C-alpha atoms as a PDB file:
ATOM      1  CA  MET A   1     -23.635  -0.401  12.605  1.00  0.00           C
ATOM      2  CA  GLU A   2     -21.311  -0.409  15.579  1.00  0.00           C
ATOM      3  CA  GLN A   3     -17.910  -2.061  15.252  1.00  0.00           C
ATOM      4  CA  ASN A   4     -18.846  -4.674  17.902  1.00  0.00           C
ATOM      5  CA  ASN A   5     -21.796  -5.822  15.793  1.00  0.00           C
ATOM      6  CA  ARG A   6     -19.782  -6.359  12.632  1.00  0.00           C
ATOM      7  CA  PRO A   7     -19.295  -9.919  11.318  1.00  0.00           C
ATOM      8  CA  LYS A   8     -16.425 -11.685  13.104  1.00  0.00           C
ATOM      9  CA  GLU A   9     -13.554 -13.259  11.195  1.00  0.00           C
ATOM     10  CA  ARG A  10     -13.363 -17.048  11.140  1.00  0.00           C
ATOM     11  CA  PHE A  11      -9.927 -17.313   9.523  1.00  0.00           C
ATOM     12  CA  ARG A  12      -7.221 -15.087   8.012  1.00  0.00           C
ATOM     13  CA  THR A  13      -6.115 -15.104   4.405  1.00  0.00           C
ATOM     14  CA  SER A  14      -3.169 -13.847   2.386  1.00  0.00           C
ATOM     15  CA  VAL A  15      -5.505 -12.592  -0.346  1.00  0.00           C
ATOM     16  CA  GLY A  16      -5.013  -8.855  -0.722  1.00  0.00           C
ATOM     17  CA  GLY A  17      -5.208  -6.117  -3.265  1.00  0.00           C
ATOM     18  CA  GLN A  18      -4.820  -2.526  -4.307  1.00  0.00           C
ATOM     19  CA  ALA A  19      -7.271   0.239  -5.114  1.00  0.00           C
ATOM     20  CA  LEU A  20      -7.076   1.615  -8.643  1.00  0.00           C
ATOM     21  CA  MET A  21      -8.851   4.242 -10.717  1.00  0.00           C
ATOM     22  CA  GLU A  22     -12.480   3.055 -10.694  1.00  0.00           C
ATOM     23  CA  GLY A  23     -11.282  -0.427  -9.882  1.00  0.00           C
ATOM     24  CA  ILE A  24      -9.451  -2.899  -7.692  1.00  0.00           C
ATOM     25  CA  MET A  25      -6.661  -5.412  -8.227  1.00  0.00           C
ATOM     26  CA  MET A  26      -6.802  -8.556  -6.092  1.00  0.00           C
ATOM     27  CA  ARG A  27      -3.939 -11.024  -5.673  1.00  0.00           C
ATOM     28  CA  GLY A  28      -4.538 -14.603  -4.560  1.00  0.00           C
ATOM     29  CA  PRO A  29      -2.175 -17.558  -4.153  1.00  0.00           C
ATOM     30  CA  LYS A  30      -2.630 -18.611  -7.795  1.00  0.00           C
ATOM     31  CA  ARG A  31      -4.262 -15.745  -9.722  1.00  0.00           C
ATOM     32  CA  ILE A  32      -4.366 -11.963  -9.993  1.00  0.00           C
ATOM     33  CA  CYS A  33      -7.571 -10.273 -11.103  1.00  0.00           C
ATOM     34  CA  CYS A  34      -8.096  -6.613 -11.943  1.00  0.00           C
ATOM     35  CA  ALA A  35     -11.699  -5.356 -12.099  1.00  0.00           C
ATOM     36  CA  VAL A  36     -12.389  -1.858 -13.471  1.00  0.00           C
ATOM     37  CA  ARG A  37     -15.686  -0.055 -14.004  1.00  0.00           C
ATOM     38  CA  LYS A  38     -15.934   1.009 -17.657  1.00  0.00           C
ATOM     39  CA  PRO A  39     -17.615   4.256 -18.818  1.00  0.00           C
ATOM     40  CA  ASP A  40     -20.680   2.262 -19.965  1.00  0.00           C
ATOM     41  CA  GLY A  41     -21.142   0.859 -16.435  1.00  0.00           C
ATOM     42  CA  THR A  42     -19.942  -2.677 -17.131  1.00  0.00           C
ATOM     43  CA  ILE A  43     -16.986  -4.237 -15.323  1.00  0.00           C
ATOM     44  CA  ASP A  44     -13.814  -5.103 -17.228  1.00  0.00           C
ATOM     45  CA  LEU A  45     -11.836  -8.077 -15.883  1.00  0.00           C
ATOM     46  CA  LYS A  46      -8.173  -8.810 -16.521  1.00  0.00           C
ATOM     47  CA  GLN A  47      -6.583 -11.942 -15.078  1.00  0.00           C
ATOM     48  CA  GLU A  48      -3.122 -13.470 -14.960  1.00  0.00           C
ATOM     49  CA  GLU A  49      -1.237 -16.120 -13.049  1.00  0.00           C
ATOM     50  CA  THR A  50       0.369 -15.095  -9.746  1.00  0.00           C
ATOM     51  CA  ARG A  51       4.144 -15.237  -9.979  1.00  0.00           C
ATOM     52  CA  HIS A  52       6.087 -16.617  -7.054  1.00  0.00           C
ATOM     53  CA  TYR A  53       9.779 -15.964  -6.440  1.00  0.00           C
ATOM     54  CA  PHE A  54      12.478 -17.604  -4.332  1.00  0.00           C
ATOM     55  CA  TYR A  55      12.815 -14.604  -2.006  1.00  0.00           C
ATOM     56  CA  GLU A  56       9.289 -15.150  -0.639  1.00  0.00           C
ATOM     57  CA  LYS A  57      10.701 -17.883   1.632  1.00  0.00           C
ATOM     58  CA  ILE A  58      13.594 -15.785   2.998  1.00  0.00           C
ATOM     59  CA  PRO A  59      12.699 -13.761   6.124  1.00  0.00           C
ATOM     60  CA  LEU A  60      13.806 -10.088   6.144  1.00  0.00           C
ATOM     61  CA  VAL A  61      14.894 -10.277   2.480  1.00  0.00           C
ATOM     62  CA  ARG A  62      11.329 -10.762   1.222  1.00  0.00           C
ATOM     63  CA  GLY A  63      10.124  -7.463   2.703  1.00  0.00           C
ATOM     64  CA  CYS A  64      12.199  -5.183   0.479  1.00  0.00           C
ATOM     65  CA  CYS A  65      11.711  -7.403  -2.590  1.00  0.00           C
ATOM     66  CA  ALA A  66       7.953  -7.583  -2.060  1.00  0.00           C
ATOM     67  CA  MET A  67       7.807  -3.786  -1.766  1.00  0.00           C
ATOM     68  CA  ILE A  68       9.597  -3.289  -5.102  1.00  0.00           C
ATOM     69  CA  TYR A  69       7.436  -5.922  -6.791  1.00  0.00           C
ATOM     70  CA  SER A  70       4.256  -4.325  -5.426  1.00  0.00           C
ATOM     71  CA  LEU A  71       5.288  -0.882  -6.672  1.00  0.00           C
ATOM     72  CA  LEU A  72       5.984  -2.119 -10.203  1.00  0.00           C
ATOM     73  CA  THR A  73       2.882  -4.330 -10.396  1.00  0.00           C
ATOM     74  CA  GLY A  74       0.676  -1.672  -8.832  1.00  0.00           C
ATOM     75  CA  TYR A  75       1.851   0.997 -11.277  1.00  0.00           C
ATOM     76  CA  ARG A  76       1.193  -1.315 -14.229  1.00  0.00           C
ATOM     77  CA  TYR A  77      -2.361  -2.041 -13.108  1.00  0.00           C
ATOM     78  CA  LEU A  78      -2.960   1.603 -12.235  1.00  0.00           C
ATOM     79  CA  MET A  79      -2.164   2.584 -15.825  1.00  0.00           C
ATOM     80  CA  HIS A  80      -4.433  -0.200 -17.075  1.00  0.00           C
ATOM     81  CA  SER A  81      -7.292   0.982 -14.860  1.00  0.00           C
ATOM     82  CA  ALA A  82      -6.879   4.557 -16.094  1.00  0.00           C
ATOM     83  CA  GLU A  83      -7.153   3.428 -19.701  1.00  0.00           C
ATOM     84  CA  VAL A  84     -10.204   1.230 -19.080  1.00  0.00           C
ATOM     85  CA  SER A  85     -12.093   3.615 -16.786  1.00  0.00           C
ATOM     86  CA  MET A  86     -11.593   6.648 -19.033  1.00  0.00           C
ATOM     87  CA  GLY A  87     -12.088   4.829 -22.316  1.00  0.00           C
ATOM     88  CA  GLU A  88      -9.366   4.433 -24.916  1.00  0.00           C
ATOM     89  CA  GLU A  89     -10.097   7.714 -26.717  1.00  0.00           C
ATOM     90  CA  ALA A  90     -10.290   9.824 -23.557  1.00  0.00           C
ATOM     91  CA  PHE A  91      -7.170   8.142 -22.172  1.00  0.00           C
ATOM     92  CA  ALA A  92      -5.297   8.800 -25.411  1.00  0.00           C
ATOM     93  CA  ASP A  93      -6.306  12.473 -25.266  1.00  0.00           C
ATOM     94  CA  SER A  94      -5.060  12.717 -21.677  1.00  0.00           C
ATOM     95  CA  GLU A  95      -1.647  11.215 -22.451  1.00  0.00           C
ATOM     96  CA  SER A  96       1.287  13.578 -22.574  1.00  0.00           C
ATOM     97  CA  LYS A  97       3.291  14.086 -25.746  1.00  0.00           C
ATOM     98  CA  PHE A  98       6.128  12.114 -24.170  1.00  0.00           C
ATOM     99  CA  ASP A  99       3.830   9.140 -23.443  1.00  0.00           C
ATOM    100  CA  LYS A 100       2.565   9.129 -27.022  1.00  0.00           C
ATOM    101  CA  TRP A 101       6.099   9.376 -28.419  1.00  0.00           C
ATOM    102  CA  LEU A 102       7.266   6.580 -26.130  1.00  0.00           C
ATOM    103  CA  GLU A 103       4.438   4.284 -27.215  1.00  0.00           C
ATOM    104  CA  ALA A 104       5.013   5.029 -30.901  1.00  0.00           C
ATOM    105  CA  HIS A 105       8.820   4.733 -31.002  1.00  0.00           C
ATOM    106  CA  CYS A 106       9.853   2.353 -28.221  1.00  0.00           C
ATOM    107  CA  SER A 107       9.478  -1.361 -27.655  1.00  0.00           C
ATOM    108  CA  LYS A 108       7.524  -2.774 -24.745  1.00  0.00           C
ATOM    109  CA  ARG A 109      10.791  -3.552 -22.949  1.00  0.00           C
ATOM    110  CA  VAL A 110      11.929   0.064 -23.169  1.00  0.00           C
ATOM    111  CA  GLN A 111       8.515   1.253 -21.987  1.00  0.00           C
ATOM    112  CA  ASN A 112       8.838  -1.088 -18.994  1.00  0.00           C
ATOM    113  CA  LEU A 113      12.248   0.423 -18.247  1.00  0.00           C
ATOM    114  CA  PHE A 114      10.692   3.883 -18.157  1.00  0.00           C
ATOM    115  CA  MET A 115       7.935   2.494 -15.936  1.00  0.00           C
ATOM    116  CA  GLY A 116      10.604   1.199 -13.566  1.00  0.00           C
ATOM    117  CA  ALA A 117      12.343   4.577 -13.675  1.00  0.00           C
ATOM    118  CA  ALA A 118       9.068   6.284 -12.715  1.00  0.00           C
ATOM    119  CA  ALA A 119       8.698   3.928  -9.736  1.00  0.00           C
ATOM    120  CA  LEU A 120      12.334   4.638  -8.796  1.00  0.00           C
ATOM    121  CA  ALA A 121      11.651   8.380  -8.940  1.00  0.00           C
ATOM    122  CA  GLY A 122       8.761   7.863  -6.530  1.00  0.00           C
ATOM    123  CA  GLY A 123      11.081   5.988  -4.204  1.00  0.00           C
ATOM    124  CA  LEU A 124      13.645   8.779  -4.346  1.00  0.00           C
ATOM    125  CA  LEU A 125      10.925  11.300  -3.489  1.00  0.00           C
ATOM    126  CA  ALA A 126       9.975   9.198  -0.458  1.00  0.00           C
ATOM    127  CA  ILE A 127      13.634   9.117   0.629  1.00  0.00           C
ATOM    128  CA  LEU A 128      13.780  12.902   0.311  1.00  0.00           C
ATOM    129  CA  LEU A 129      10.594  13.413   2.340  1.00  0.00           C
ATOM    130  CA  PHE A 130      11.164  10.875   5.097  1.00  0.00           C
ATOM    131  CA  LEU A 131      14.942  10.505   5.343  1.00  0.00           C
ATOM    132  CA  VAL A 132      16.641  13.667   4.134  1.00  0.00           C
ATOM    133  CA  ILE A 133      14.299  16.486   5.180  1.00  0.00           C
ATOM    134  CA  PRO A 134      13.656  15.410   8.838  1.00  0.00           C
ATOM    135  CA  THR A 135      17.359  14.742   9.455  1.00  0.00           C
ATOM    136  CA  THR A 136      18.389  18.030   7.877  1.00  0.00           C
ATOM    137  CA  LEU A 137      15.837  20.076   9.819  1.00  0.00           C
ATOM    138  CA  VAL A 138      16.740  18.475  13.154  1.00  0.00           C
ATOM    139  CA  GLY A 139      20.443  18.850  12.381  1.00  0.00           C
ATOM    140  CA  LEU A 140      20.040  22.561  11.626  1.00  0.00           C
ATOM    141  CA  LEU A 141      17.963  23.020  14.777  1.00  0.00           C
ATOM    142  CA  GLY A 142      20.707  21.287  16.763  1.00  0.00           C
ATOM    143  CA  GLN A 143      23.149  23.943  15.610  1.00  0.00           C
ATOM    144  CA  VAL A 144      20.940  26.640  17.127  1.00  0.00           C
ATOM    145  CA  ILE A 145      19.652  24.853  20.241  1.00  0.00           C
ATOM    146  CA  GLU A 146      21.625  22.364  22.313  1.00  0.00           C
ATOM    147  CA  LEU A 147      19.910  18.986  21.843  1.00  0.00           C
ATOM    148  CA  GLY A 148      20.972  15.605  23.149  1.00  0.00           C
ATOM    149  CA  ARG A 149      20.805  12.354  21.165  1.00  0.00           C
ATOM    150  CA  TRP A 150      17.335  11.213  22.281  1.00  0.00           C
ATOM    151  CA  PRO A 151      15.619  14.592  21.861  1.00  0.00           C
ATOM    152  CA  ARG A 152      16.977  14.611  18.298  1.00  0.00           C
ATOM    153  CA  VAL A 153      15.803  11.049  17.684  1.00  0.00           C
ATOM    154  CA  ILE A 154      12.321  11.787  19.030  1.00  0.00           C
ATOM    155  CA  LEU A 155      12.004  15.064  17.127  1.00  0.00           C
ATOM    156  CA  GLU A 156      13.191  13.440  13.896  1.00  0.00           C
ATOM    157  CA  GLY A 157      10.657  10.632  14.345  1.00  0.00           C
ATOM    158  CA  LEU A 158       7.809  13.052  15.036  1.00  0.00           C
ATOM    159  CA  LEU A 159       8.712  15.006  11.886  1.00  0.00           C
ATOM    160  CA  LYS A 160       8.644  11.818   9.803  1.00  0.00           C
ATOM    161  CA  ILE A 161       5.220  10.864  11.070  1.00  0.00           C
ATOM    162  CA  ALA A 162       3.880  14.420  10.731  1.00  0.00           C
ATOM    163  CA  ILE A 163       5.040  14.660   7.110  1.00  0.00           C
ATOM    164  CA  PHE A 164       3.439  11.294   6.337  1.00  0.00           C
ATOM    165  CA  VAL A 165       0.106  12.152   7.978  1.00  0.00           C
ATOM    166  CA  VAL A 166      -0.071  15.598   6.335  1.00  0.00           C
ATOM    167  CA  TYR A 167       0.789  14.046   2.956  1.00  0.00           C
ATOM    168  CA  LEU A 168      -2.045  11.503   3.299  1.00  0.00           C
ATOM    169  CA  TYR A 169      -4.479  14.179   4.458  1.00  0.00           C
ATOM    170  CA  LEU A 170      -3.675  16.392   1.463  1.00  0.00           C
ATOM    171  CA  CYS A 171      -4.226  13.396  -0.816  1.00  0.00           C
ATOM    172  CA  THR A 172      -7.738  12.941   0.590  1.00  0.00           C
ATOM    173  CA  ARG A 173      -8.575  16.508  -0.459  1.00  0.00           C
ATOM    174  CA  MET A 174      -8.262  15.476  -4.127  1.00  0.00           C
ATOM    175  CA  SER A 175     -11.552  14.101  -5.403  1.00  0.00           C
ATOM    176  CA  GLU A 176      -9.901  11.413  -7.579  1.00  0.00           C
ATOM    177  CA  ILE A 177      -7.768  10.137  -4.693  1.00  0.00           C
ATOM    178  CA  HIS A 178     -10.724  10.279  -2.286  1.00  0.00           C
ATOM    179  CA  ARG A 179     -12.686   8.074  -4.673  1.00  0.00           C
ATOM    180  CA  MET A 180      -9.741   5.692  -4.961  1.00  0.00           C
ATOM    181  CA  PHE A 181      -9.660   5.482  -1.162  1.00  0.00           C
ATOM    182  CA  GLN A 182     -13.345   4.490  -1.285  1.00  0.00           C
ATOM    183  CA  TYR A 183     -12.329   1.586  -3.511  1.00  0.00           C
ATOM    184  CA  HIS A 184      -9.650   0.850  -0.914  1.00  0.00           C
ATOM    185  CA  GLY A 185     -12.431   0.574   1.639  1.00  0.00           C
ATOM    186  CA  ALA A 186     -14.369  -1.753  -0.673  1.00  0.00           C
ATOM    187  CA  GLU A 187     -11.285  -3.946  -1.010  1.00  0.00           C
ATOM    188  CA  HIS A 188     -10.900  -4.268   2.781  1.00  0.00           C
ATOM    189  CA  LYS A 189     -14.595  -4.852   3.417  1.00  0.00           C
ATOM    190  CA  THR A 190     -14.768  -7.590   0.774  1.00  0.00           C
ATOM    191  CA  ILE A 191     -11.767  -9.437   2.225  1.00  0.00           C
ATOM    192  CA  ALA A 192     -13.281  -9.066   5.707  1.00  0.00           C
ATOM    193  CA  CYS A 193     -16.522 -10.581   4.409  1.00  0.00           C
ATOM    194  CA  TYR A 194     -14.600 -13.523   2.956  1.00  0.00           C
ATOM    195  CA  GLU A 195     -12.681 -14.015   6.210  1.00  0.00           C
ATOM    196  CA  ALA A 196     -15.992 -13.979   8.103  1.00  0.00           C
ATOM    197  CA  GLY A 197     -17.166 -16.907   5.974  1.00  0.00           C
ATOM    198  CA  LEU A 198     -20.144 -14.987   4.567  1.00  0.00           C
ATOM    199  CA  PRO A 199     -21.351 -15.185   0.942  1.00  0.00           C
ATOM    200  CA  LEU A 200     -19.762 -12.426  -1.138  1.00  0.00           C
ATOM    201  CA  GLU A 201     -22.871 -10.332  -1.674  1.00  0.00           C
ATOM    202  CA  VAL A 202     -23.178  -6.558  -1.525  1.00  0.00           C
ATOM    203  CA  GLU A 203     -25.438  -6.667   1.541  1.00  0.00           C
ATOM    204  CA  ASN A 204     -22.936  -8.776   3.501  1.00  0.00           C
ATOM    205  CA  VAL A 205     -19.865  -6.807   2.417  1.00  0.00           C
ATOM    206  CA  ARG A 206     -21.527  -3.535   3.392  1.00  0.00           C
ATOM    207  CA  LEU A 207     -21.736  -4.748   7.018  1.00  0.00           C
ATOM    208  CA  CYS A 208     -18.008  -5.497   7.326  1.00  0.00           C
ATOM    209  CA  SER A 209     -15.211  -3.249   8.576  1.00  0.00           C
ATOM    210  CA  ARG A 210     -13.175  -1.129   6.215  1.00  0.00           C
ATOM    211  CA  PHE A 211     -10.115  -1.438   8.483  1.00  0.00           C
ATOM    212  CA  HIS A 212      -7.700  -4.345   8.082  1.00  0.00           C
ATOM    213  CA  PRO A 213      -4.364  -5.047   9.821  1.00  0.00           C
ATOM    214  CA  ARG A 214      -2.751  -6.344   6.624  1.00  0.00           C
ATOM    215  CA  CYS A 215      -2.700  -3.138   4.602  1.00  0.00           C
ATOM    216  CA  GLY A 216      -0.157  -1.055   2.698  1.00  0.00           C
ATOM    217  CA  THR A 217      -0.928   1.900   4.956  1.00  0.00           C
ATOM    218  CA  SER A 218      -0.132  -0.199   8.023  1.00  0.00           C
ATOM    219  CA  PHE A 219       3.095  -1.352   6.394  1.00  0.00           C
ATOM    220  CA  MET A 220       4.209   2.213   5.664  1.00  0.00           C
ATOM    221  CA  ILE A 221       3.600   3.489   9.187  1.00  0.00           C
ATOM    222  CA  LEU A 222       5.415   0.414  10.536  1.00  0.00           C
ATOM    223  CA  VAL A 223       8.387   1.260   8.303  1.00  0.00           C
ATOM    224  CA  LEU A 224       8.468   4.758   9.797  1.00  0.00           C
ATOM    225  CA  LEU A 225       8.175   3.507  13.383  1.00  0.00           C
ATOM    226  CA  VAL A 226      10.770   0.745  12.977  1.00  0.00           C
ATOM    227  CA  SER A 227      13.152   3.189  11.296  1.00  0.00           C
ATOM    228  CA  ILE A 228      12.966   5.462  14.350  1.00  0.00           C
ATOM    229  CA  PHE A 229      14.271   2.651  16.567  1.00  0.00           C
ATOM    230  CA  ILE A 230      16.858   1.325  14.097  1.00  0.00           C
ATOM    231  CA  ASN A 231      18.202   4.789  13.246  1.00  0.00           C
ATOM    232  CA  SER A 232      18.398   5.881  16.881  1.00  0.00           C
ATOM    233  CA  VAL A 233      21.886   4.349  17.133  1.00  0.00           C
ATOM    234  CA  LEU A 234      23.277   6.267  14.146  1.00  0.00           C
ATOM    235  CA  PRO A 235      25.685   9.187  14.723  1.00  0.00           C
ATOM    236  CA  TRP A 236      24.564  12.816  14.390  1.00  0.00           C
ATOM    237  CA  GLU A 237      27.992  14.396  13.932  1.00  0.00           C
ATOM    238  CA  ASN A 238      27.797  14.214  10.124  1.00  0.00           C
ATOM    239  CA  LEU A 239      24.277  14.703   8.712  1.00  0.00           C
ATOM    240  CA  ALA A 240      25.172  13.535   5.208  1.00  0.00           C
ATOM    241  CA  LEU A 241      26.719  10.343   6.583  1.00  0.00           C
ATOM    242  CA  ARG A 242      23.649   9.791   8.791  1.00  0.00           C
ATOM    243  CA  VAL A 243      21.408   9.971   5.705  1.00  0.00           C
ATOM    244  CA  VAL A 244      23.658   7.506   3.860  1.00  0.00           C
ATOM    245  CA  TYR A 245      23.513   5.074   6.799  1.00  0.00           C
ATOM    246  CA  LYS A 246      19.707   5.380   6.877  1.00  0.00           C
ATOM    247  CA  ILE A 247      19.455   4.585   3.164  1.00  0.00           C
ATOM    248  CA  LEU A 248      21.729   1.552   3.591  1.00  0.00           C
ATOM    249  CA  LEU A 249      19.605   0.325   6.507  1.00  0.00           C
ATOM    250  CA  LEU A 250      16.315   0.843   4.624  1.00  0.00           C
ATOM    251  CA  PRO A 251      16.130  -2.759   3.280  1.00  0.00           C
ATOM    252  CA  LEU A 252      16.555  -4.061   6.832  1.00  0.00           C
ATOM    253  CA  VAL A 253      13.876  -1.669   8.108  1.00  0.00           C
ATOM    254  CA  MET A 254      11.438  -2.819   5.401  1.00  0.00           C
ATOM    255  CA  GLY A 255      12.329  -6.438   6.099  1.00  0.00           C
ATOM    256  CA  ILE A 256      11.568  -6.130   9.814  1.00  0.00           C
ATOM    257  CA  SER A 257       8.365  -4.186   9.115  1.00  0.00           C
ATOM    258  CA  TYR A 258       7.186  -6.836   6.650  1.00  0.00           C
ATOM    259  CA  GLU A 259       7.763  -9.632   9.161  1.00  0.00           C
ATOM    260  CA  LEU A 260       5.852  -7.681  11.820  1.00  0.00           C
ATOM    261  CA  ILE A 261       2.850  -7.026   9.578  1.00  0.00           C
ATOM    262  CA  LYS A 262       2.928 -10.631   8.371  1.00  0.00           C
ATOM    263  CA  TRP A 263       2.847 -11.807  11.992  1.00  0.00           C
ATOM    264  CA  ALA A 264       0.074  -9.349  12.875  1.00  0.00           C
ATOM    265  CA  GLY A 265      -1.871 -10.483   9.802  1.00  0.00           C
ATOM    266  CA  ARG A 266      -1.953 -14.129  10.846  1.00  0.00           C
ATOM    267  CA  SER A 267      -2.084 -13.836  14.648  1.00  0.00           C
ATOM    268  CA  CYS A 268      -4.385 -12.158  17.136  1.00  0.00           C
ATOM    269  CA  ASN A 269      -3.028 -11.391  20.590  1.00  0.00           C
ATOM    270  CA  PRO A 270      -2.403  -8.247  22.675  1.00  0.00           C
ATOM    271  CA  LEU A 271       1.035  -7.682  21.131  1.00  0.00           C
ATOM    272  CA  THR A 272      -0.100  -8.002  17.507  1.00  0.00           C
ATOM    273  CA  ARG A 273      -3.090  -5.750  18.248  1.00  0.00           C
ATOM    274  CA  PHE A 274      -0.643  -3.186  19.643  1.00  0.00           C
ATOM    275  CA  ILE A 275       1.502  -3.466  16.497  1.00  0.00           C
ATOM    276  CA  SER A 276      -1.559  -3.092  14.250  1.00  0.00           C
ATOM    277  CA  ALA A 277      -3.054  -0.134  16.139  1.00  0.00           C
ATOM    278  CA  PRO A 278      -1.117   2.737  14.415  1.00  0.00           C
ATOM    279  CA  GLY A 279      -1.895   1.382  10.947  1.00  0.00           C
ATOM    280  CA  LEU A 280      -5.570   0.819  11.734  1.00  0.00           C
ATOM    281  CA  TRP A 281      -5.835   4.372  13.052  1.00  0.00           C
ATOM    282  CA  LEU A 282      -4.106   5.791   9.983  1.00  0.00           C
ATOM    283  CA  GLN A 283      -6.462   3.893   7.678  1.00  0.00           C
ATOM    284  CA  ARG A 284      -9.070   6.475   8.662  1.00  0.00           C
ATOM    285  CA  LEU A 285      -7.231   8.671   6.148  1.00  0.00           C
ATOM    286  CA  THR A 286      -6.760   6.056   3.417  1.00  0.00           C
ATOM    287  CA  THR A 287     -10.008   4.054   3.473  1.00  0.00           C
ATOM    288  CA  PHE A 288     -13.510   5.471   3.142  1.00  0.00           C
ATOM    289  CA  GLU A 289     -16.912   3.848   3.018  1.00  0.00           C
ATOM    290  CA  PRO A 290     -17.651   2.724  -0.566  1.00  0.00           C
ATOM    291  CA  ASP A 291     -20.950   2.790  -2.401  1.00  0.00           C
ATOM    292  CA  ASP A 292     -22.605  -0.394  -3.646  1.00  0.00           C
ATOM    293  CA  SER A 293     -21.192  -0.064  -7.174  1.00  0.00           C
ATOM    294  CA  MET A 294     -17.650  -0.060  -5.738  1.00  0.00           C
ATOM    295  CA  ILE A 295     -18.440  -3.134  -3.641  1.00  0.00           C
ATOM    296  CA  GLU A 296     -19.640  -4.880  -6.814  1.00  0.00           C
ATOM    297  CA  VAL A 297     -16.260  -4.190  -8.420  1.00  0.00           C
ATOM    298  CA  ALA A 298     -14.442  -5.531  -5.347  1.00  0.00           C
ATOM    299  CA  ILE A 299     -16.494  -8.739  -5.407  1.00  0.00           C
ATOM    300  CA  ALA A 300     -15.803  -9.154  -9.135  1.00  0.00           C
ATOM    301  CA  ALA A 301     -12.068  -8.717  -8.494  1.00  0.00           C
ATOM    302  CA  VAL A 302     -11.732 -11.074  -5.536  1.00  0.00           C
ATOM    303  CA  THR A 303     -13.957 -13.955  -6.673  1.00  0.00           C
ATOM    304  CA  PRO A 304     -11.600 -15.352  -9.381  1.00  0.00           C
ATOM    305  CA  VAL A 305      -8.547 -15.319  -7.080  1.00  0.00           C
ATOM    306  CA  LEU A 306     -10.025 -17.126  -4.065  1.00  0.00           C
ATOM    307  CA  PRO A 307      -8.560 -20.582  -3.492  1.00  0.00           C
ATOM    308  CA  GLU A 308     -10.875 -23.591  -3.506  1.00  0.00           C
ATOM    309  CA  ASP A 309      -9.662 -24.439  -0.024  1.00  0.00           C
ATOM    310  CA  PRO A 310      -9.251 -21.380   2.261  1.00  0.00           C
ATOM    311  CA  LYS A 311      -6.241 -23.089   3.879  1.00  0.00           C
ATOM    312  CA  GLU A 312      -4.360 -22.685   0.582  1.00  0.00           C
ATOM    313  CA  GLY A 313      -4.513 -18.939   1.064  1.00  0.00           C
ATOM    314  CA  GLU A 314      -3.405 -18.787   4.681  1.00  0.00           C
ATOM    315  CA  TRP A 315      -0.991 -15.943   5.413  1.00  0.00           C
END
């Protein structure tokens, strides 16, 4: 079906989620629900109350805090989905010796600390890929070829985006990640169906778009684009100092990006469509058309978290 013939949205909601291994986690204003397809074909549901924190009301601050919270929560549910989708015995066999030792000898609090350390390591890897490497490469090139400030800024920005796009493309070449991105598509299509005011049935969800302006992919590309503008004023004389400045400015960059995607998620005008365009284009690499069984999981995940009154879930 052509994009123009897809169901039109009637309202916008803050309900969102995350694709998991053979499952989806959905977060509503009051509840979180994780739905995972078990090896026997049934769907396992895990629910908990949505936690709200004071920072959610503070513009700019809430962006960085929400990112950290999403990483920790997402990792926890990803591990849960792996255990459920593989089955306890298969999951236990796949665990490393360190994981088994940690579970046998450490308390839940210590295990959570290691989980946080793993998320921190992922953040450090992102800093290396998108902050350190582009700056270093452009700095070394500037020692060979005479480059002004703006050519360096533009080249550094292009390197950031290129690394990000290549990284996502390589991820799609892995069958497990490709399947997870299909669940990502199911998540988007189900939310689009809800926002169109249609009954949450497989036939209706299948007709909806897999692209959505309020997406983690859109947030990440916005972070890269905003960082190009914010970091353009930083000095190039000392590359190490430039990297330090960029790290210190990262919370501000994430804060601005979060406010932009929040605005684009609740408004529809030429400017917000322009802001959403890069993320929607990039979602061609991170969302794929799901099959009906994946849509069933998405419906099972989103149904328990939907507010009785759609206005309660406005973005």
